[in-house]
Amino acid sequence: MKEQILILITALLFLVCLSASAQMKTITGRIISEDFEVLENAIIRTKDSKYTATADEHGNYSIKVPEATKELVALYIAMETDTIPIMGKCQVNIILLNHMIIEYETVEQAKKHFKRRKKDLKPLYNKAYKEGVFKRENPCS
């Protein structure tokens, strides 16, 4: 009797673990610079860095993340690190802005400057779509 209960508990734990790991989604996309240069080896990760992917030589990436993931972080040398909101399982195309250092700029001024530049990304997505760089006209968000 004890042996049957132990087997039942083990089976239940296995099923719970299996269902928890099955709640993943795969996010794919392409990452480029604001000059439409492919960012080979760019890093795309979750905020906690638990799940990470690297872009291939064409800037394409694929990352498997928990279903509840709402944001990805994109990093590349000499580019501004960016946090990208995601919804569902759509393709997430990313444009990173070139890192700019302005002399005598405070941290607050730098944040404001980055925020202003980020507003200009929408026309870049449209241009990238028209030139065939992206397959979607709008970013997934």
C-alpha atoms as a PDB file:
ATOM      1  CA  MET A   1       0.000   0.000   0.000  1.00  0.00           C
ATOM      2  CA  LYS A   2       2.788   2.444   0.935  1.00  0.00           C
ATOM      3  CA  GLU A   3       4.567   1.560  -2.282  1.00  0.00           C
ATOM      4  CA  GLN A   4       1.477   2.421  -4.363  1.00  0.00           C
ATOM      5  CA  ILE A   5       1.073   5.778  -2.597  1.00  0.00           C
ATOM      6  CA  LEU A   6       4.741   6.577  -3.200  1.00  0.00           C
ATOM      7  CA  ILE A   7       4.372   5.726  -6.900  1.00  0.00           C
ATOM      8  CA  LEU A   8       1.238   7.880  -7.136  1.00  0.00           C
ATOM      9  CA  ILE A   9       2.933  10.864  -5.468  1.00  0.00           C
ATOM     10  CA  THR A  10       5.972  10.485  -7.736  1.00  0.00           C
ATOM     11  CA  ALA A  11       3.739  10.351 -10.825  1.00  0.00           C
ATOM     12  CA  LEU A  12       1.820  13.453  -9.704  1.00  0.00           C
ATOM     13  CA  LEU A  13       5.044  15.400  -9.089  1.00  0.00           C
ATOM     14  CA  PHE A  14       6.305  14.365 -12.503  1.00  0.00           C
ATOM     15  CA  LEU A  15       3.102  15.610 -14.171  1.00  0.00           C
ATOM     16  CA  VAL A  16       3.234  18.930 -12.304  1.00  0.00           C
ATOM     17  CA  CYS A  17       6.848  19.480 -13.368  1.00  0.00           C
ATOM     18  CA  LEU A  18       6.022  18.497 -16.936  1.00  0.00           C
ATOM     19  CA  SER A  19       3.107  20.928 -17.176  1.00  0.00           C
ATOM     20  CA  ALA A  20       5.161  23.752 -15.647  1.00  0.00           C
ATOM     21  CA  SER A  21       7.954  23.303 -18.177  1.00  0.00           C
ATOM     22  CA  ALA A  22       5.464  23.101 -21.054  1.00  0.00           C
ATOM     23  CA  GLN A  23       4.320  26.686 -20.463  1.00  0.00           C
ATOM     24  CA  MET A  24       7.011  28.199 -22.668  1.00  0.00           C
ATOM     25  CA  LYS A  25       6.827  30.293 -25.822  1.00  0.00           C
ATOM     26  CA  THR A  26       9.353  30.908 -28.553  1.00  0.00           C
ATOM     27  CA  ILE A  27      10.025  34.487 -29.624  1.00  0.00           C
ATOM     28  CA  THR A  28      11.794  35.032 -32.934  1.00  0.00           C
ATOM     29  CA  GLY A  29      12.882  38.134 -34.761  1.00  0.00           C
ATOM     30  CA  ARG A  30      15.698  40.134 -36.241  1.00  0.00           C
ATOM     31  CA  ILE A  31      17.966  42.715 -34.634  1.00  0.00           C
ATOM     32  CA  ILE A  32      19.617  45.576 -36.524  1.00  0.00           C
ATOM     33  CA  SER A  33      21.152  48.977 -35.820  1.00  0.00           C
ATOM     34  CA  GLU A  34      19.442  52.263 -36.628  1.00  0.00           C
ATOM     35  CA  ASP A  35      21.636  52.302 -39.770  1.00  0.00           C
ATOM     36  CA  PHE A  36      20.082  48.935 -40.803  1.00  0.00           C
ATOM     37  CA  GLU A  37      23.312  47.060 -40.152  1.00  0.00           C
ATOM     38  CA  VAL A  38      22.872  43.464 -38.989  1.00  0.00           C
ATOM     39  CA  LEU A  39      23.925  42.994 -35.367  1.00  0.00           C
ATOM     40  CA  GLU A  40      25.536  39.561 -35.497  1.00  0.00           C
ATOM     41  CA  ASN A  41      26.082  38.102 -32.007  1.00  0.00           C
ATOM     42  CA  ALA A  42      23.767  40.623 -30.352  1.00  0.00           C
ATOM     43  CA  ILE A  43      22.390  39.288 -27.085  1.00  0.00           C
ATOM     44  CA  ILE A  44      18.663  38.989 -26.480  1.00  0.00           C
ATOM     45  CA  ARG A  45      17.687  37.915 -22.976  1.00  0.00           C
ATOM     46  CA  THR A  46      15.026  38.053 -20.319  1.00  0.00           C
ATOM     47  CA  LYS A  47      15.408  40.728 -17.641  1.00  0.00           C
ATOM     48  CA  ASP A  48      16.627  38.160 -15.107  1.00  0.00           C
ATOM     49  CA  SER A  49      19.160  36.797 -17.671  1.00  0.00           C
ATOM     50  CA  LYS A  50      17.874  33.266 -17.110  1.00  0.00           C
ATOM     51  CA  TYR A  51      17.019  32.788 -20.801  1.00  0.00           C
ATOM     52  CA  THR A  52      19.425  34.098 -23.432  1.00  0.00           C
ATOM     53  CA  ALA A  53      19.846  33.961 -27.197  1.00  0.00           C
ATOM     54  CA  THR A  54      22.452  35.256 -29.635  1.00  0.00           C
ATOM     55  CA  ALA A  55      21.684  36.667 -33.078  1.00  0.00           C
ATOM     56  CA  ASP A  56      23.102  34.805 -36.067  1.00  0.00           C
ATOM     57  CA  GLU A  57      25.094  36.320 -38.974  1.00  0.00           C
ATOM     58  CA  HIS A  58      21.836  37.688 -40.455  1.00  0.00           C
ATOM     59  CA  GLY A  59      20.656  39.213 -37.164  1.00  0.00           C
ATOM     60  CA  ASN A  60      17.983  36.553 -36.676  1.00  0.00           C
ATOM     61  CA  TYR A  61      17.374  35.120 -33.229  1.00  0.00           C
ATOM     62  CA  SER A  62      15.085  32.682 -31.462  1.00  0.00           C
ATOM     63  CA  ILE A  63      14.605  32.549 -27.710  1.00  0.00           C
ATOM     64  CA  LYS A  64      12.438  30.201 -25.673  1.00  0.00           C
ATOM     65  CA  VAL A  65      11.003  31.983 -22.623  1.00  0.00           C
ATOM     66  CA  PRO A  66       8.300  31.348 -20.021  1.00  0.00           C
ATOM     67  CA  GLU A  67       4.771  32.183 -21.203  1.00  0.00           C
ATOM     68  CA  ALA A  68       4.525  34.982 -18.611  1.00  0.00           C
ATOM     69  CA  THR A  69       7.534  36.891 -20.002  1.00  0.00           C
ATOM     70  CA  LYS A  70       6.518  40.454 -20.894  1.00  0.00           C
ATOM     71  CA  GLU A  71       9.873  42.025 -21.849  1.00  0.00           C
ATOM     72  CA  LEU A  72      13.171  41.194 -23.496  1.00  0.00           C
ATOM     73  CA  VAL A  73      16.477  43.038 -23.160  1.00  0.00           C
ATOM     74  CA  ALA A  74      18.694  43.556 -26.230  1.00  0.00           C
ATOM     75  CA  LEU A  75      22.418  44.326 -25.936  1.00  0.00           C
ATOM     76  CA  TYR A  76      25.230  44.944 -28.375  1.00  0.00           C
ATOM     77  CA  ILE A  77      28.627  46.622 -28.178  1.00  0.00           C
ATOM     78  CA  ALA A  78      28.488  50.389 -28.872  1.00  0.00           C
ATOM     79  CA  MET A  79      24.670  50.337 -28.916  1.00  0.00           C
ATOM     80  CA  GLU A  80      22.144  51.519 -26.358  1.00  0.00           C
ATOM     81  CA  THR A  81      20.783  48.600 -24.340  1.00  0.00           C
ATOM     82  CA  ASP A  82      17.023  48.474 -24.790  1.00  0.00           C
ATOM     83  CA  THR A  83      14.077  46.784 -23.105  1.00  0.00           C
ATOM     84  CA  ILE A  84      11.444  45.611 -25.569  1.00  0.00           C
ATOM     85  CA  PRO A  85       7.858  44.794 -24.564  1.00  0.00           C
ATOM     86  CA  ILE A  86       6.450  41.587 -26.042  1.00  0.00           C
ATOM     87  CA  MET A  87       2.921  40.331 -26.392  1.00  0.00           C
ATOM     88  CA  GLY A  88       1.917  36.860 -27.443  1.00  0.00           C
ATOM     89  CA  LYS A  89       4.101  34.841 -29.759  1.00  0.00           C
ATOM     90  CA  CYS A  90       4.619  37.281 -32.609  1.00  0.00           C
ATOM     91  CA  GLN A  91       7.908  38.067 -34.299  1.00  0.00           C
ATOM     92  CA  VAL A  92       9.831  40.732 -32.348  1.00  0.00           C
ATOM     93  CA  ASN A  93      12.062  42.821 -34.590  1.00  0.00           C
ATOM     94  CA  ILE A  94      14.495  45.107 -32.769  1.00  0.00           C
ATOM     95  CA  ILE A  95      16.306  48.275 -33.800  1.00  0.00           C
ATOM     96  CA  LEU A  96      19.054  49.357 -31.418  1.00  0.00           C
ATOM     97  CA  LEU A  97      20.187  52.961 -31.329  1.00  0.00           C
ATOM     98  CA  ASN A  98      23.860  53.837 -31.658  1.00  0.00           C
ATOM     99  CA  HIS A  99      25.386  54.716 -28.295  1.00  0.00           C
ATOM    100  CA  MET A 100      26.074  58.422 -28.105  1.00  0.00           C
ATOM    101  CA  ILE A 101      28.221  60.179 -25.552  1.00  0.00           C
ATOM    102  CA  ILE A 102      27.707  63.885 -25.282  1.00  0.00           C
ATOM    103  CA  GLU A 103      30.298  65.771 -23.273  1.00  0.00           C
ATOM    104  CA  TYR A 104      29.142  67.234 -19.996  1.00  0.00           C
ATOM    105  CA  GLU A 105      25.827  65.408 -20.196  1.00  0.00           C
ATOM    106  CA  THR A 106      24.322  64.383 -16.872  1.00  0.00           C
ATOM    107  CA  VAL A 107      22.628  61.010 -16.393  1.00  0.00           C
ATOM    108  CA  GLU A 108      19.233  62.725 -16.399  1.00  0.00           C
ATOM    109  CA  GLN A 109      20.013  64.545 -19.645  1.00  0.00           C
ATOM    110  CA  ALA A 110      21.245  61.296 -21.216  1.00  0.00           C
ATOM    111  CA  LYS A 111      17.994  59.514 -20.269  1.00  0.00           C
ATOM    112  CA  LYS A 112      15.900  62.318 -21.773  1.00  0.00           C
ATOM    113  CA  HIS A 113      18.032  62.318 -24.923  1.00  0.00           C
ATOM    114  CA  PHE A 114      17.638  58.532 -25.308  1.00  0.00           C
ATOM    115  CA  LYS A 115      13.872  58.778 -24.765  1.00  0.00           C
ATOM    116  CA  ARG A 116      13.582  61.439 -27.510  1.00  0.00           C
ATOM    117  CA  ARG A 117      15.651  59.337 -29.918  1.00  0.00           C
ATOM    118  CA  LYS A 118      13.601  56.223 -29.163  1.00  0.00           C
ATOM    119  CA  LYS A 119      10.435  58.033 -30.315  1.00  0.00           C
ATOM    120  CA  ASP A 120      12.005  58.187 -33.787  1.00  0.00           C
ATOM    121  CA  LEU A 121      12.058  54.375 -34.093  1.00  0.00           C
ATOM    122  CA  LYS A 122       8.528  54.040 -35.560  1.00  0.00           C
ATOM    123  CA  PRO A 123       9.523  55.599 -38.918  1.00  0.00           C
ATOM    124  CA  LEU A 124      12.642  53.396 -38.943  1.00  0.00           C
ATOM    125  CA  TYR A 125      10.496  50.249 -38.570  1.00  0.00           C
ATOM    126  CA  ASN A 126       8.380  51.389 -41.524  1.00  0.00           C
ATOM    127  CA  LYS A 127      11.483  52.084 -43.617  1.00  0.00           C
ATOM    128  CA  ALA A 128      13.026  48.711 -42.663  1.00  0.00           C
ATOM    129  CA  TYR A 129       9.788  46.990 -43.715  1.00  0.00           C
ATOM    130  CA  LYS A 130       9.646  48.828 -47.053  1.00  0.00           C
ATOM    131  CA  GLU A 131      13.281  47.933 -47.770  1.00  0.00           C
ATOM    132  CA  GLY A 132      12.643  44.268 -46.946  1.00  0.00           C
ATOM    133  CA  VAL A 133      14.778  44.207 -43.808  1.00  0.00           C
ATOM    134  CA  PHE A 134      11.798  43.248 -41.638  1.00  0.00           C
ATOM    135  CA  LYS A 135       8.839  41.065 -42.608  1.00  0.00           C
ATOM    136  CA  ARG A 136       6.465  42.971 -40.299  1.00  0.00           C
ATOM    137  CA  GLU A 137       5.694  46.659 -40.694  1.00  0.00           C
ATOM    138  CA  ASN A 138       5.364  47.323 -36.968  1.00  0.00           C
ATOM    139  CA  PRO A 139       7.305  46.129 -33.937  1.00  0.00           C
ATOM    140  CA  CYS A 140       5.574  43.492 -31.851  1.00  0.00           C
ATOM    141  CA  SER A 141       4.355  45.290 -28.760  1.00  0.00           C
END
